Protein backbone atom coordinates (compact mmCIF):
# COMPACT_ATOMS: atom_id res chain seq x y z
CA MET A 1 83.97 89.34 145.48
CA SER A 2 85.44 92.09 143.29
CA LYS A 3 83.88 93.16 140.03
CA LYS A 4 86.91 91.77 138.19
CA LEU A 5 86.44 88.33 139.74
CA ILE A 6 82.72 88.35 139.01
CA PHE A 7 83.44 89.28 135.38
CA ALA A 8 86.11 86.55 135.14
CA ALA A 9 83.74 83.94 136.57
CA VAL A 10 81.01 84.92 134.16
CA LEU A 11 83.48 84.82 131.27
CA VAL A 12 84.62 81.33 132.25
CA MET A 13 81.01 80.15 132.38
CA VAL A 14 80.32 81.61 128.93
CA VAL A 15 83.40 79.91 127.50
CA LEU A 16 82.44 76.60 129.08
CA LEU A 17 78.95 76.87 127.63
CA LEU A 18 80.33 77.66 124.19
CA VAL A 19 82.76 74.76 124.35
CA ALA A 20 80.04 72.44 125.52
CA GLY A 21 77.94 73.46 122.55
CA CYS A 22 80.66 73.18 119.92
CA GLY A 23 80.09 69.52 119.37
CA LYS A 24 76.40 70.03 118.78
CA LYS A 25 74.90 70.95 115.43
CA GLU A 26 71.55 72.52 114.95
CA PRO A 27 69.21 70.31 112.96
CA ALA A 28 69.71 70.96 109.24
CA GLN A 29 65.96 70.99 108.79
CA PRO A 30 62.84 70.79 110.98
CA PRO A 31 62.29 67.40 112.62
CA VAL A 32 60.33 65.00 110.43
CA ASP A 33 57.71 62.67 111.84
CA PRO A 34 58.66 58.98 111.69
CA PRO A 35 57.45 57.36 108.45
CA PRO A 36 54.34 55.18 108.57
CA VAL A 37 54.55 51.40 108.65
CA ASP A 38 52.31 49.18 106.52
CA ASN A 39 52.34 45.44 107.34
CA GLY A 40 55.79 45.78 108.83
CA ILE A 41 57.17 47.68 105.81
CA VAL A 42 58.27 51.29 106.22
CA VAL A 43 56.45 53.45 103.70
CA SER A 44 58.13 56.56 102.38
CA GLU A 45 55.88 59.52 101.65
CA PHE A 46 56.29 62.81 99.82
CA VAL A 47 57.45 65.67 102.01
CA GLY A 48 58.16 68.40 99.42
CA SER A 49 61.40 69.86 98.05
CA ASP A 50 61.79 72.38 100.86
CA SER A 51 62.50 69.48 103.22
CA CYS A 52 65.71 68.87 101.26
CA LYS A 53 67.03 72.42 101.49
CA GLY A 54 68.73 72.16 104.86
CA CYS A 55 71.12 69.34 103.99
CA HIS A 56 71.39 69.82 100.24
CA SER A 57 71.56 73.59 100.02
CA ASP A 58 73.96 73.73 97.05
CA VAL A 59 71.87 71.50 94.84
CA TYR A 60 68.68 73.10 96.09
CA SER A 61 69.88 76.59 95.16
CA GLU A 62 70.66 75.41 91.62
CA TRP A 63 67.31 73.69 91.25
CA GLU A 64 65.37 76.56 92.85
CA THR A 65 65.99 78.81 89.83
CA SER A 66 65.86 76.08 87.19
CA TRP A 67 63.16 75.55 84.60
CA HIS A 68 61.85 72.57 86.54
CA THR A 69 60.34 74.94 89.09
CA ILE A 70 58.14 76.80 86.57
CA LYS A 71 56.35 73.96 84.80
CA ALA A 72 53.34 74.97 86.90
CA THR A 73 52.89 78.04 89.05
CA GLN A 74 50.05 79.72 90.92
CA GLY A 75 48.07 82.42 89.16
CA PRO A 76 46.67 85.74 90.42
CA ALA A 77 43.69 83.96 92.02
CA PHE A 78 46.15 83.03 94.80
CA GLY A 79 47.25 86.64 95.23
CA ALA A 80 48.09 89.67 93.13
CA GLU A 81 51.81 88.96 93.61
CA MET A 82 51.35 85.85 91.46
CA GLU A 83 50.56 87.96 88.38
CA SER A 84 54.27 87.92 87.54
CA ASN A 85 53.97 84.21 86.76
CA ILE A 86 52.05 85.23 83.64
CA LEU A 87 54.13 86.55 80.74
CA GLU A 88 54.32 90.34 80.90
CA TRP A 89 53.00 90.94 77.39
CA VAL A 90 50.07 88.65 78.14
CA ARG A 91 49.19 90.58 81.30
CA ASN A 92 49.31 93.83 79.37
CA ASP A 93 47.16 92.52 76.52
CA TRP A 94 44.86 90.24 78.53
CA ASP A 95 41.63 92.05 77.68
CA ASN A 96 42.31 91.68 73.94
CA LEU A 97 43.01 87.94 74.03
CA LEU A 98 40.49 85.11 73.66
CA THR A 99 40.53 84.29 77.35
CA TYR A 100 37.54 81.97 77.27
CA MET A 101 37.41 78.78 79.34
CA ILE A 102 37.07 75.47 77.48
CA VAL A 103 34.10 73.70 79.09
CA ASP A 104 33.54 70.31 77.47
CA GLN A 105 33.49 68.33 74.23
CA LEU A 106 30.43 67.88 72.01
CA ASP A 107 32.15 65.45 69.65
CA LYS A 108 35.70 64.83 68.41
CA ASP A 109 35.54 67.88 66.14
CA THR A 110 33.59 70.27 68.41
CA ILE A 111 34.23 71.73 71.85
CA TYR A 112 32.21 74.07 74.05
CA VAL A 113 33.85 77.35 75.09
CA ALA A 114 32.30 79.64 77.73
CA THR A 115 31.11 82.98 76.38
CA GLU A 116 32.30 84.99 79.37
CA LYS A 117 35.97 85.90 79.35
CA VAL A 118 38.07 84.90 82.35
CA ALA A 119 39.45 87.89 84.24
CA LEU A 120 43.19 87.97 84.86
CA GLU A 121 42.63 87.82 88.61
CA ASP A 122 40.65 84.58 88.19
CA VAL A 123 43.52 82.58 86.69
CA ASP A 124 44.31 79.84 89.21
CA PHE A 125 47.26 78.08 87.61
CA VAL A 126 49.80 78.92 84.94
CA VAL A 127 51.32 75.98 83.06
CA GLY A 128 54.68 76.53 81.37
CA ARG A 129 56.80 79.59 80.67
CA ILE A 130 59.84 78.88 78.52
CA ARG A 131 58.32 77.85 75.17
CA LYS A 132 54.61 78.30 75.70
CA GLN A 133 52.17 79.14 78.42
CA ARG A 134 48.64 78.01 79.22
CA TYR A 135 46.16 79.16 81.84
CA ALA A 136 43.61 77.35 83.97
CA THR A 137 40.64 78.55 85.98
CA TYR A 138 38.24 76.65 88.21
CA TYR A 139 34.96 75.31 86.79
CA ASP A 140 32.31 73.88 89.10
CA GLY A 141 30.57 71.73 86.48
CA GLY A 142 27.43 73.87 86.42
CA PRO A 143 25.33 75.34 83.59
CA VAL A 144 27.03 77.96 81.45
CA GLU A 145 26.46 79.81 78.19
CA VAL A 146 28.88 78.62 75.51
CA TYR A 147 30.17 79.09 71.99
CA LYS A 148 31.29 76.23 69.78
CA ALA A 149 34.83 75.82 68.47
CA THR A 150 35.51 73.33 65.69
CA THR A 151 38.48 71.60 64.11
CA GLU A 152 38.99 70.26 60.60
CA ASP A 153 42.45 68.81 61.12
CA GLY A 154 42.05 66.39 63.98
CA GLY A 155 42.52 68.92 66.77
CA ILE A 156 45.67 70.62 65.49
CA SER A 157 43.84 73.93 65.09
CA TRP A 158 40.53 75.31 66.34
CA THR A 159 38.14 77.96 65.04
CA LEU A 160 35.86 79.75 67.52
CA ASN A 161 32.39 80.64 66.24
CA MET A 162 31.07 83.63 68.21
CA ASP A 163 28.02 84.21 66.02
CA GLU A 164 25.81 81.82 67.99
CA THR A 165 25.54 80.89 71.65
CA PHE A 166 24.19 77.78 73.34
CA GLU A 167 23.08 76.81 76.83
CA PHE A 168 25.31 74.10 78.24
CA GLU A 169 23.47 72.19 80.96
CA GLY A 170 26.63 71.47 82.92
CA ASN A 171 28.69 68.35 83.53
CA LYS A 172 30.18 67.62 86.95
CA GLU A 173 32.53 65.11 85.30
CA ARG A 174 34.36 68.08 83.80
CA ALA A 175 34.74 70.06 87.03
CA GLY A 176 38.23 71.10 88.05
CA TYR A 177 40.83 73.50 86.71
CA LYS A 178 39.99 74.05 83.05
CA PHE A 179 42.26 75.47 80.37
CA LEU A 180 41.58 78.64 78.46
CA PHE A 181 41.29 78.77 74.69
CA ILE A 182 44.53 80.72 74.31
CA GLU A 183 48.11 79.47 74.29
CA THR A 184 50.81 82.15 74.41
CA ARG A 185 54.54 82.33 73.74
CA PRO A 186 57.35 84.38 75.29
CA ASN A 187 58.10 86.10 71.97
CA GLU A 188 54.81 88.02 72.27
CA THR A 189 52.76 85.81 69.99
CA GLU A 190 49.79 83.53 70.40
CA ASN A 191 49.53 80.04 69.00
CA PRO A 192 47.32 80.83 65.97
CA ASN A 193 45.87 77.32 66.18
CA TYR A 194 44.55 77.98 69.70
CA TYR A 195 43.98 75.20 72.22
CA GLY A 196 41.31 72.53 72.44
CA GLU A 197 41.89 70.56 75.66
CA TRP A 198 38.45 70.07 77.17
CA ARG A 199 39.44 67.90 80.13
CA SER A 200 40.52 69.37 83.44
CA TRP A 201 44.18 69.77 84.35
CA GLN A 202 43.76 67.21 87.14
CA GLU A 203 42.33 64.53 84.87
CA ARG A 204 44.68 65.11 81.96
CA CYS A 205 48.31 66.09 82.54
CA ILE A 206 48.94 67.40 86.05
CA ALA A 207 51.31 64.61 87.15
CA CYS A 208 54.10 65.73 84.82
CA HIS A 209 53.96 69.39 85.80
CA THR A 210 54.10 68.79 89.55
CA THR A 211 55.54 66.32 92.06
CA GLY A 212 53.69 63.63 93.97
CA PHE A 213 50.24 63.89 92.41
CA ASP A 214 47.99 61.50 94.34
CA TYR A 215 45.74 60.19 91.58
CA GLU A 216 43.85 57.88 93.92
CA ALA A 217 42.90 60.81 96.17
CA TRP A 218 41.82 62.74 93.06
CA ASP A 219 39.73 59.84 91.76
CA GLU A 220 38.05 59.49 95.15
CA ALA A 221 37.40 63.23 95.43
CA LYS A 222 35.93 63.38 91.94
CA ALA A 223 33.61 60.45 92.62
CA GLU A 224 32.44 62.12 95.83
CA PHE A 225 31.90 65.43 94.02
CA VAL A 226 29.88 63.86 91.21
CA ALA A 227 27.79 62.04 93.84
CA GLY A 228 27.13 65.31 95.68
CA GLN A 229 29.24 64.33 98.69
CA ARG A 230 31.95 66.96 98.20
CA ASP A 231 31.70 70.72 97.78
CA ASP A 232 34.33 71.28 95.08
CA LEU A 233 37.37 69.93 93.24
CA ARG A 234 39.81 72.72 93.99
CA ASP A 235 42.33 70.45 95.72
CA ILE A 236 45.06 69.37 93.29
CA PHE A 237 46.52 66.65 95.57
CA VAL A 238 50.20 67.31 94.88
CA ALA A 239 53.15 67.26 97.25
CA ASP A 240 54.98 70.05 95.42
CA LEU A 241 53.67 72.38 92.72
CA ARG A 242 57.15 72.35 91.21
CA VAL A 243 58.93 69.46 89.50
CA GLY A 244 61.03 68.93 92.57
CA CYS A 245 63.60 66.69 94.22
CA GLU A 246 61.20 63.82 94.84
CA ALA A 247 60.18 63.64 91.18
CA CYS A 248 63.60 62.17 90.44
CA HIS A 249 64.62 60.77 93.84
CA GLY A 250 61.33 59.32 95.05
CA PRO A 251 59.31 60.11 98.21
CA GLY A 252 61.67 61.41 100.87
CA SER A 253 60.06 61.03 104.29
CA VAL A 254 62.15 58.01 105.29
CA HIS A 255 65.38 59.67 104.18
CA ALA A 256 64.44 62.94 105.86
CA SER A 257 63.91 61.07 109.10
CA SER A 258 66.93 58.75 108.99
CA MET A 259 69.37 60.99 107.06
CA LYS A 260 70.75 57.79 105.48
CA ALA A 261 71.82 57.80 101.84
CA ASP A 262 70.39 54.31 101.38
CA ASP A 263 66.92 55.62 102.20
CA ILE A 264 66.62 57.76 99.07
CA ILE A 265 66.94 56.94 95.37
CA ASN A 266 69.98 58.18 93.48
CA PRO A 267 69.24 57.72 89.75
CA ALA A 268 72.95 58.07 88.92
CA LYS A 269 73.49 54.71 90.65
CA PHE A 270 70.84 52.85 88.68
CA GLU A 271 72.33 49.89 86.82
CA ALA A 272 69.33 48.95 84.69
CA TYR A 273 68.86 51.07 81.59
CA GLU A 274 65.08 51.10 82.01
CA ASP A 275 65.35 52.58 85.49
CA LYS A 276 67.81 55.24 84.37
CA MET A 277 65.73 56.12 81.35
CA ASN A 278 62.43 56.25 83.21
CA THR A 279 63.78 58.79 85.68
CA CYS A 280 63.19 61.42 83.01
CA ALA A 281 60.89 59.46 80.69
CA GLN A 282 58.14 59.44 83.29
CA CYS A 283 57.46 62.96 81.96
CA HIS A 284 59.62 63.40 78.87
CA THR A 285 57.59 60.91 76.88
CA ARG A 286 54.42 60.82 74.82
CA ALA A 287 52.11 58.10 76.03
CA ALA A 288 48.92 57.10 74.25
CA SER A 289 47.08 57.21 77.59
CA SER A 290 47.42 56.46 81.27
CA THR A 291 46.56 52.97 82.46
CA LYS A 292 45.08 54.56 85.59
CA LEU A 293 42.69 56.89 83.76
CA ASN A 294 41.92 56.64 80.06
CA THR A 295 41.39 60.39 79.71
CA ALA A 296 44.84 61.16 81.17
CA ASN A 297 48.03 61.52 79.17
CA ASP A 298 50.56 61.37 82.01
CA LEU A 299 52.12 58.51 83.98
CA ARG A 300 50.13 59.24 87.14
CA GLY A 301 51.10 56.99 90.02
CA PHE A 302 54.49 56.08 88.55
CA MET A 303 57.33 55.67 91.02
CA LEU A 304 60.99 55.19 90.20
CA GLY A 305 61.66 51.50 89.70
CA ASP A 306 58.17 50.85 88.29
CA ASN A 307 57.53 49.52 84.78
CA TYR A 308 56.48 52.14 82.25
CA SER A 309 53.83 49.89 80.71
CA ASP A 310 52.11 49.42 84.09
CA PHE A 311 51.28 53.12 84.08
CA ALA A 312 51.05 54.13 80.43
CA ASN A 313 49.96 52.66 77.14
CA TRP A 314 52.72 53.06 74.60
CA LEU A 315 52.13 55.37 71.66
CA THR A 316 51.50 53.32 68.51
CA PRO A 317 53.94 53.92 65.63
CA LYS A 318 52.43 53.97 62.15
CA TRP A 319 55.17 52.21 60.21
CA GLY A 320 55.31 53.21 56.57
CA THR A 321 52.37 55.63 56.79
CA GLY A 322 53.15 57.96 59.69
CA ASP A 323 50.78 60.18 61.65
CA ARG A 324 50.89 63.42 63.62
CA ASN A 325 52.94 61.79 66.39
CA VAL A 326 55.51 59.68 64.54
CA SER A 327 57.12 59.71 61.10
CA ILE A 328 57.02 56.66 58.84
CA ASP A 329 60.39 55.46 60.20
CA GLY A 330 59.69 56.11 63.89
CA LYS A 331 61.07 59.60 64.55
CA GLY A 332 59.05 61.55 67.08
CA ARG A 333 57.22 64.59 65.75
CA ARG A 334 55.79 66.26 68.87
CA ASP A 335 56.80 67.43 72.33
CA HIS A 336 57.84 65.05 75.10
CA GLN A 337 59.09 62.30 72.76
CA MET A 338 62.78 62.29 73.56
CA ASP A 339 62.61 58.90 75.24
CA LEU A 340 61.08 57.23 72.17
CA ASP A 341 63.91 58.55 70.00
CA MET A 342 66.59 57.40 72.42
CA ARG A 343 65.08 53.94 72.83
CA LEU A 344 64.93 53.58 69.06
CA SER A 345 68.60 54.57 68.84
CA ARG A 346 69.42 51.90 71.39
CA PHE A 347 67.67 49.28 69.25
CA ILE A 348 69.33 50.41 66.00
CA ASN A 349 72.86 50.65 67.41
CA PRO A 350 72.91 48.54 70.60
CA ASP A 351 76.71 48.60 70.87
CA SER A 352 77.16 52.32 70.35
CA TYR A 353 78.34 54.80 72.96
CA HIS A 354 74.89 56.42 73.07
CA ALA A 355 73.01 53.14 73.57
CA ASP A 356 73.38 53.10 77.34
CA GLN A 357 73.00 56.82 77.86
CA ALA A 358 70.09 58.24 79.78
CA CYS A 359 68.90 61.85 79.63
CA PHE A 360 70.89 62.96 82.66
CA ASP A 361 74.16 61.82 81.10
CA CYS A 362 74.02 64.93 78.91
CA HIS A 363 71.60 67.16 80.80
CA SER A 364 71.52 68.43 84.36
CA PRO A 365 68.04 68.17 85.91
CA HIS A 366 69.19 70.32 88.83
CA ARG A 367 70.18 73.38 86.83
CA VAL A 368 68.52 73.14 83.44
CA GLY A 369 68.05 76.68 82.18
CA ASN A 370 70.59 78.17 84.61
CA ASN A 371 73.63 77.99 82.35
CA PRO A 372 73.57 81.08 80.11
CA ASP A 373 76.05 79.55 77.66
CA ASN A 374 74.21 76.26 77.32
CA LEU A 375 70.77 76.20 78.85
CA ARG A 376 70.19 72.46 78.64
CA LEU A 377 73.49 70.56 78.43
CA LYS A 378 75.73 69.84 81.40
CA ASP A 379 78.73 70.94 79.37
CA GLY A 380 79.10 72.84 76.15
CA ILE A 381 79.26 71.12 72.79
CA ALA A 382 83.02 71.68 72.67
CA GLU A 383 83.46 69.88 76.00
CA GLY A 384 81.14 67.04 75.07
CA CYS A 385 80.07 66.12 71.56
CA VAL A 386 83.11 67.26 69.59
CA GLN A 387 85.42 65.10 71.64
CA CYS A 388 84.24 62.27 69.40
CA HIS A 389 82.44 64.09 66.59
CA LYS A 390 85.05 66.51 65.27
CA ASP A 391 82.74 68.13 62.73
CA PHE A 392 79.70 68.12 65.00
CA THR A 393 76.95 70.67 64.56
CA MET A 394 73.90 70.18 66.74
CA GLU A 395 71.66 71.73 64.09
CA GLU A 396 72.45 68.83 61.77
CA ALA A 397 72.89 65.91 64.15
CA LEU A 398 69.67 66.62 66.07
CA ASP A 399 67.61 67.90 63.13
CA GLY A 400 64.99 65.33 62.18
CA ARG A 401 63.62 67.48 59.38
CA ARG A 402 66.74 68.25 57.36
CA GLY A 403 66.56 66.63 53.95
CA TRP A 404 63.06 65.18 54.31
CA GLU A 405 59.83 66.15 52.60
CA LYS A 406 57.63 68.17 54.92
CA ALA A 407 54.74 66.39 56.60
CA GLU A 408 51.49 68.11 57.53
CA PHE A 409 47.82 67.29 57.91
CA PRO A 410 46.62 65.06 56.35
CA ASN A 411 49.80 64.02 54.52
CA TRP A 412 51.95 62.35 57.15
CA GLY A 413 53.74 59.80 54.96
CA THR A 414 57.33 61.06 55.09
CA GLU A 415 60.44 60.73 57.23
CA TYR A 416 60.02 64.34 58.39
CA GLY A 417 60.59 64.53 62.14
CA ARG A 418 61.28 67.19 64.76
CA GLN A 419 62.98 70.56 64.36
CA PRO A 420 66.72 71.20 64.94
CA ASN A 421 68.07 70.36 68.40
CA LYS A 422 64.88 68.48 69.28
CA GLN A 423 65.29 65.07 67.62
CA HIS A 424 67.05 62.67 69.98
CA LEU A 425 67.52 59.77 67.59
CA PHE A 426 71.27 59.29 67.26
CA ASN A 427 71.32 57.58 63.89
CA LEU A 428 72.32 58.91 60.48
CA ASN A 429 71.70 57.15 57.17
CA GLU A 430 74.18 56.98 54.28
CA GLU A 431 73.24 60.52 53.22
CA GLY A 432 73.94 61.81 56.72
CA LEU A 433 70.27 62.43 57.52
CA VAL A 434 68.63 61.52 60.83
CA TYR A 435 66.82 58.25 60.25
CA GLY A 436 64.84 55.66 62.20
CA LEU A 437 63.97 52.11 61.17
CA SER A 438 64.19 50.71 57.67
CA PRO A 439 61.13 48.74 56.45
CA GLU A 440 62.74 45.37 57.20
CA GLN A 441 62.98 46.48 60.85
CA TYR A 442 59.33 47.49 61.34
CA HIS A 443 57.63 45.66 64.22
CA TRP A 444 53.97 44.62 64.23
CA VAL A 445 51.42 42.79 66.33
CA LEU A 446 48.23 41.16 65.07
CA LYS A 447 45.06 42.23 66.84
CA ASP A 448 43.38 39.52 68.91
CA GLY A 449 41.22 37.46 66.57
CA GLY A 450 42.51 39.44 63.60
CA ASP A 451 43.03 38.22 60.03
CA ALA A 452 46.74 38.10 59.17
CA LYS A 453 45.90 38.97 55.53
CA THR A 454 44.05 42.16 56.51
CA GLN A 455 46.16 45.31 56.86
CA ALA A 456 43.77 46.96 59.34
CA ASP A 457 44.26 44.05 61.76
CA TRP A 458 47.97 44.76 62.16
CA SER A 459 49.22 47.47 64.54
CA GLY A 460 52.72 48.86 64.71
CA ILE A 461 54.64 48.36 67.95
CA TRP A 462 58.00 49.57 69.15
CA PRO A 463 60.84 47.02 69.00
CA TRP A 464 61.14 46.99 72.80
CA ASN A 465 57.50 45.90 73.09
CA LYS A 466 57.88 42.74 71.01
CA GLU A 467 59.11 40.52 73.87
CA ALA A 468 56.08 41.33 76.01
CA ALA A 469 53.73 40.77 73.06
CA ASP A 470 55.30 37.37 72.37
CA ALA A 471 55.08 36.43 76.04
CA ALA A 472 51.38 37.32 75.97
CA GLY A 473 50.85 34.83 73.14
CA LYS A 474 50.22 37.44 70.47
CA THR A 475 51.26 37.08 66.83
CA THR A 476 54.13 39.42 65.97
CA PHE A 477 56.05 40.14 62.78
CA VAL A 478 59.24 41.98 61.88
CA GLY A 479 59.43 43.46 58.38
CA ALA A 480 57.37 45.43 55.92
CA GLU A 481 53.68 44.75 55.22
CA PRO A 482 53.00 41.55 57.18
CA TRP A 483 49.55 41.33 55.57
CA ASN A 484 51.25 40.57 52.24
CA GLN A 485 53.39 37.72 53.57
């Protein structure tokens, strides 16, 4: 056979092979093991955001550079390349900062702070980056020399006394990743109040800064460690260190295996307001405590479709008196309270356009922080708000402080709320100021066995909690000062 014929035969074979392969597609992602089955029910598990990249590359690329990926990052203890996760000015000034580890609490006004500074290379985790940043290092629960730091304003600010040292005997209950005394900001400043969180990251707030935190595995590991059956508590039991796809779409192993749209949650298709709202409110909230661990402040264990109150105790409003968390009329005063504002708006104006809106109607969870013209909104103000509000200015409409007397420790009794752009209560009073409930709309519940004529026996509740309180057989009241009725 001539060389030309041999070449032609080979060419035909190559073409046939190519044609034969044209109908085949390489798997969009690595094969995923079949999901487990429990009593005949397929159980979906967390597989991590990178499992979504192959099929959802466009959305993944937007999310990959969004702010949701930097709520928690590894520190230099995981490698020198992780130093960049710490703000540059902080790295440069590290030796001059109060980089002491908070060890434990003596009482509500006193915490123990280790006397030895934490080296930059010993920072395990970095929490936050956009507005503020905190740092955590591992503590084994053993004896350590400490200073005392005290507060005179209920924990708002802390003063470190370095004139005297003490020997702390150790407490294995406090082992884990512990926060440092400093809290820094991108504008090259420290929080002058410093930080007083004495619990570990795992037992306090990890679930909102990561995806798929397994609180049951953590609880088991901690019990084993305290009992001397485990070497350490370095495992953080999360599926993804970032706030990833499965935080909003639920565990993805079944979907990754089947590739069926029905096997994953799409929050945009939720019909119930509670389900839509809780997609974001599972983290963008301020709970009094977790129902799974009384020292925690997150909704650990929450899955989309669950009831908020099964995983968190609602913050208690102080109607008419106010406190650090809530103004006298119900406006939120601290971080992570957007959901409370929006729920209150829904109660005040149930037929308004905003009543049925959830967070993701205005914000894009996939690309928050990626839009240089509008870091948080899906569209600009001109494309959104001013279509209905011709004279709209965000600084006024979302300013819960404008026009109200300032509130500060210990004088909380005003309508003063959150700073411009932060208040999410869509309600203006006759003077055009952001306002919550009027006294005749305050909601209360009487403590079990309480005296209806005693003010201390009445607790404020949110309007949306009244139905459950009534169903539980509790005494409720709507209006001002039920103890005077």
